[in-house]
Amino acid sequence: MTQPQPTPAARAKGPVGQPRNPVSVILLTIFTCGIYGLVWLYKTFEELKQHNDEGLGGLAGMLLCLVVVGDFLLMTEIQKTYEDDGRESPVNAVWGLLLWLIFPVGQYFAQVALNDYWISKGAAPLPS
């Protein structure tokens, strides 16, 4: 008779990120001629690094996005965060192509996925 194998303990996670209204993120990015988009990228990469205790971090992620590579890395980091939690990610690296080609569309889907994840981990939901 075989003994049941213990399941590996889930890795402790850091603080949860802040949910943001995806439409507000897009509008701020447009109204600031992309400056808020850079701020958003910095904050998003930094929150993912703090939560996962690995990843690029804010400055490196934002700078890589300026040369396109970071867009794919952002979606990959979101996907990895979901998969580490045992969930299927609503986005993947292919979505990075959207983020690069049509920044507001990719930004919207990335923020929606992050909001879902952060709220599932205890962050306050966005007001209705």
C-alpha atoms as a PDB file:
ATOM      1  CA  MET A   1       0.000   0.000   0.000  1.00  0.00           C
ATOM      2  CA  THR A   2       1.499   3.349  -0.987  1.00  0.00           C
ATOM      3  CA  GLN A   3       1.605   6.254   1.392  1.00  0.00           C
ATOM      4  CA  PRO A   4      -0.084   9.485   0.281  1.00  0.00           C
ATOM      5  CA  GLN A   5       2.485  12.033  -0.746  1.00  0.00           C
ATOM      6  CA  PRO A   6       2.323  15.407   0.972  1.00  0.00           C
ATOM      7  CA  THR A   7       1.510  18.269  -1.331  1.00  0.00           C
ATOM      8  CA  PRO A   8       4.232  20.873  -1.603  1.00  0.00           C
ATOM      9  CA  ALA A   9       3.570  23.899   0.543  1.00  0.00           C
ATOM     10  CA  ALA A  10       2.519  26.946  -1.394  1.00  0.00           C
ATOM     11  CA  ARG A  11       5.201  29.567  -1.539  1.00  0.00           C
ATOM     12  CA  ALA A  12       4.501  32.547   0.666  1.00  0.00           C
ATOM     13  CA  LYS A  13       3.557  35.586  -1.367  1.00  0.00           C
ATOM     14  CA  GLY A  14       4.291  39.230  -0.710  1.00  0.00           C
ATOM     15  CA  PRO A  15       1.864  42.145  -0.551  1.00  0.00           C
ATOM     16  CA  VAL A  16      -0.963  42.354  -3.053  1.00  0.00           C
ATOM     17  CA  GLY A  17      -0.996  45.063  -5.686  1.00  0.00           C
ATOM     18  CA  GLN A  18      -3.515  47.807  -6.142  1.00  0.00           C
ATOM     19  CA  PRO A  19      -6.525  47.259  -8.409  1.00  0.00           C
ATOM     20  CA  ARG A  20      -6.946  50.119 -10.866  1.00  0.00           C
ATOM     21  CA  ASN A  21      -9.836  51.082 -13.086  1.00  0.00           C
ATOM     22  CA  PRO A  22      -8.679  49.945 -16.561  1.00  0.00           C
ATOM     23  CA  VAL A  23     -10.602  52.709 -18.348  1.00  0.00           C
ATOM     24  CA  SER A  24      -9.034  55.339 -16.085  1.00  0.00           C
ATOM     25  CA  VAL A  25      -5.599  53.866 -16.763  1.00  0.00           C
ATOM     26  CA  ILE A  26      -6.157  54.139 -20.515  1.00  0.00           C
ATOM     27  CA  LEU A  27      -7.588  57.671 -20.339  1.00  0.00           C
ATOM     28  CA  LEU A  28      -4.733  58.885 -18.129  1.00  0.00           C
ATOM     29  CA  THR A  29      -2.249  57.334 -20.547  1.00  0.00           C
ATOM     30  CA  ILE A  30      -3.870  59.115 -23.488  1.00  0.00           C
ATOM     31  CA  PHE A  31      -4.297  62.467 -21.723  1.00  0.00           C
ATOM     32  CA  THR A  32      -0.687  62.499 -20.511  1.00  0.00           C
ATOM     33  CA  CYS A  33       0.656  61.518 -23.941  1.00  0.00           C
ATOM     34  CA  GLY A  34       1.925  58.194 -22.621  1.00  0.00           C
ATOM     35  CA  ILE A  35       3.610  59.405 -19.438  1.00  0.00           C
ATOM     36  CA  TYR A  36       1.073  57.706 -17.180  1.00  0.00           C
ATOM     37  CA  GLY A  37       1.527  54.553 -19.281  1.00  0.00           C
ATOM     38  CA  LEU A  38       5.162  54.488 -18.205  1.00  0.00           C
ATOM     39  CA  VAL A  39       4.155  55.084 -14.581  1.00  0.00           C
ATOM     40  CA  TRP A  40       1.610  52.280 -14.870  1.00  0.00           C
ATOM     41  CA  LEU A  41       4.240  49.912 -16.288  1.00  0.00           C
ATOM     42  CA  TYR A  42       6.645  50.794 -13.466  1.00  0.00           C
ATOM     43  CA  LYS A  43       3.991  50.235 -10.781  1.00  0.00           C
ATOM     44  CA  THR A  44       2.737  47.015 -12.346  1.00  0.00           C
ATOM     45  CA  PHE A  45       6.171  45.413 -12.689  1.00  0.00           C
ATOM     46  CA  GLU A  46       7.109  46.550  -9.181  1.00  0.00           C
ATOM     47  CA  GLU A  47       3.907  45.162  -7.611  1.00  0.00           C
ATOM     48  CA  LEU A  48       4.419  41.824  -9.350  1.00  0.00           C
ATOM     49  CA  LYS A  49       8.027  41.655  -8.145  1.00  0.00           C
ATOM     50  CA  GLN A  50       7.057  42.505  -4.558  1.00  0.00           C
ATOM     51  CA  HIS A  51       4.248  39.947  -4.594  1.00  0.00           C
ATOM     52  CA  ASN A  52       6.171  37.106  -6.261  1.00  0.00           C
ATOM     53  CA  ASP A  53       9.560  37.921  -4.730  1.00  0.00           C
ATOM     54  CA  GLU A  54      11.017  37.547  -8.221  1.00  0.00           C
ATOM     55  CA  GLY A  55      10.794  39.221 -11.587  1.00  0.00           C
ATOM     56  CA  LEU A  56      12.088  42.352 -13.248  1.00  0.00           C
ATOM     57  CA  GLY A  57      10.853  45.059 -10.937  1.00  0.00           C
ATOM     58  CA  GLY A  58       9.591  48.497 -11.863  1.00  0.00           C
ATOM     59  CA  LEU A  59      12.511  50.260 -13.494  1.00  0.00           C
ATOM     60  CA  ALA A  60      13.853  47.306 -15.486  1.00  0.00           C
ATOM     61  CA  GLY A  61      10.374  46.336 -16.665  1.00  0.00           C
ATOM     62  CA  MET A  62       9.486  49.870 -17.709  1.00  0.00           C
ATOM     63  CA  LEU A  63      12.775  50.367 -19.560  1.00  0.00           C
ATOM     64  CA  LEU A  64      12.444  47.039 -21.376  1.00  0.00           C
ATOM     65  CA  CYS A  65       8.958  48.059 -22.487  1.00  0.00           C
ATOM     66  CA  LEU A  66      10.528  50.989 -24.275  1.00  0.00           C
ATOM     67  CA  VAL A  67      12.268  48.467 -26.538  1.00  0.00           C
ATOM     68  CA  VAL A  68       9.190  46.218 -26.872  1.00  0.00           C
ATOM     69  CA  VAL A  69      10.579  43.151 -25.083  1.00  0.00           C
ATOM     70  CA  GLY A  70       9.062  44.199 -21.759  1.00  0.00           C
ATOM     71  CA  ASP A  71       5.515  44.039 -23.092  1.00  0.00           C
ATOM     72  CA  PHE A  72       5.861  40.307 -23.585  1.00  0.00           C
ATOM     73  CA  LEU A  73       7.574  39.978 -20.215  1.00  0.00           C
ATOM     74  CA  LEU A  74       4.715  41.783 -18.433  1.00  0.00           C
ATOM     75  CA  MET A  75       2.138  39.372 -19.805  1.00  0.00           C
ATOM     76  CA  THR A  76       4.437  36.457 -19.014  1.00  0.00           C
ATOM     77  CA  GLU A  77       4.823  37.664 -15.403  1.00  0.00           C
ATOM     78  CA  ILE A  78       1.052  37.982 -15.034  1.00  0.00           C
ATOM     79  CA  GLN A  79       0.642  34.490 -16.490  1.00  0.00           C
ATOM     80  CA  LYS A  80       3.278  33.065 -14.123  1.00  0.00           C
ATOM     81  CA  THR A  81       1.599  34.725 -11.140  1.00  0.00           C
ATOM     82  CA  TYR A  82      -1.695  33.044 -11.999  1.00  0.00           C
ATOM     83  CA  GLU A  83      -0.062  29.669 -12.643  1.00  0.00           C
ATOM     84  CA  ASP A  84       1.872  29.812  -9.338  1.00  0.00           C
ATOM     85  CA  ASP A  85      -1.549  30.233  -7.721  1.00  0.00           C
ATOM     86  CA  GLY A  86      -2.832  27.137  -9.522  1.00  0.00           C
ATOM     87  CA  ARG A  87      -5.125  29.127 -11.813  1.00  0.00           C
ATOM     88  CA  GLU A  88      -5.339  29.503 -15.565  1.00  0.00           C
ATOM     89  CA  SER A  89      -4.185  32.932 -16.674  1.00  0.00           C
ATOM     90  CA  PRO A  90      -6.498  35.058 -18.801  1.00  0.00           C
ATOM     91  CA  VAL A  91      -3.430  36.537 -20.566  1.00  0.00           C
ATOM     92  CA  ASN A  92      -0.148  35.185 -21.927  1.00  0.00           C
ATOM     93  CA  ALA A  93       2.915  36.361 -23.843  1.00  0.00           C
ATOM     94  CA  VAL A  94       0.933  36.591 -27.074  1.00  0.00           C
ATOM     95  CA  TRP A  95      -1.097  39.343 -25.419  1.00  0.00           C
ATOM     96  CA  GLY A  96       2.170  41.261 -25.255  1.00  0.00           C
ATOM     97  CA  LEU A  97       1.790  41.706 -28.987  1.00  0.00           C
ATOM     98  CA  LEU A  98      -1.506  43.503 -28.316  1.00  0.00           C
ATOM     99  CA  LEU A  99       0.156  45.638 -25.679  1.00  0.00           C
ATOM    100  CA  TRP A 100       2.800  46.628 -28.200  1.00  0.00           C
ATOM    101  CA  LEU A 101       0.587  47.082 -31.270  1.00  0.00           C
ATOM    102  CA  ILE A 102      -2.397  48.708 -29.624  1.00  0.00           C
ATOM    103  CA  PHE A 103      -1.148  49.787 -26.208  1.00  0.00           C
ATOM    104  CA  PRO A 104      -4.523  50.779 -24.697  1.00  0.00           C
ATOM    105  CA  VAL A 105      -6.105  47.419 -25.619  1.00  0.00           C
ATOM    106  CA  GLY A 106      -3.276  45.362 -24.155  1.00  0.00           C
ATOM    107  CA  GLN A 107      -3.111  47.687 -21.154  1.00  0.00           C
ATOM    108  CA  TYR A 108      -6.835  47.187 -20.561  1.00  0.00           C
ATOM    109  CA  PHE A 109      -6.645  43.372 -20.593  1.00  0.00           C
ATOM    110  CA  ALA A 110      -3.495  43.335 -18.449  1.00  0.00           C
ATOM    111  CA  GLN A 111      -5.150  45.562 -15.836  1.00  0.00           C
ATOM    112  CA  VAL A 112      -8.369  43.508 -15.834  1.00  0.00           C
ATOM    113  CA  ALA A 113      -6.322  40.326 -15.244  1.00  0.00           C
ATOM    114  CA  LEU A 114      -4.325  41.999 -12.479  1.00  0.00           C
ATOM    115  CA  ASN A 115      -7.477  43.365 -10.823  1.00  0.00           C
ATOM    116  CA  ASP A 116      -8.996  39.882 -10.789  1.00  0.00           C
ATOM    117  CA  TYR A 117      -5.846  38.434  -9.244  1.00  0.00           C
ATOM    118  CA  TRP A 118      -5.281  41.179  -6.654  1.00  0.00           C
ATOM    119  CA  ILE A 119      -8.931  41.110  -5.510  1.00  0.00           C
ATOM    120  CA  SER A 120      -8.791  37.303  -5.192  1.00  0.00           C
ATOM    121  CA  LYS A 121      -5.841  37.833  -2.837  1.00  0.00           C
ATOM    122  CA  GLY A 122      -7.654  40.297  -0.585  1.00  0.00           C
ATOM    123  CA  ALA A 123      -7.257  43.697  -2.229  1.00  0.00           C
ATOM    124  CA  ALA A 124     -10.264  45.991  -1.944  1.00  0.00           C
ATOM    125  CA  PRO A 125     -12.481  45.780  -5.031  1.00  0.00           C
ATOM    126  CA  LEU A 126     -12.927  48.827  -7.214  1.00  0.00           C
ATOM    127  CA  PRO A 127     -15.961  50.940  -6.350  1.00  0.00           C
ATOM    128  CA  SER A 128     -18.953  50.361  -8.599  1.00  0.00           C
END
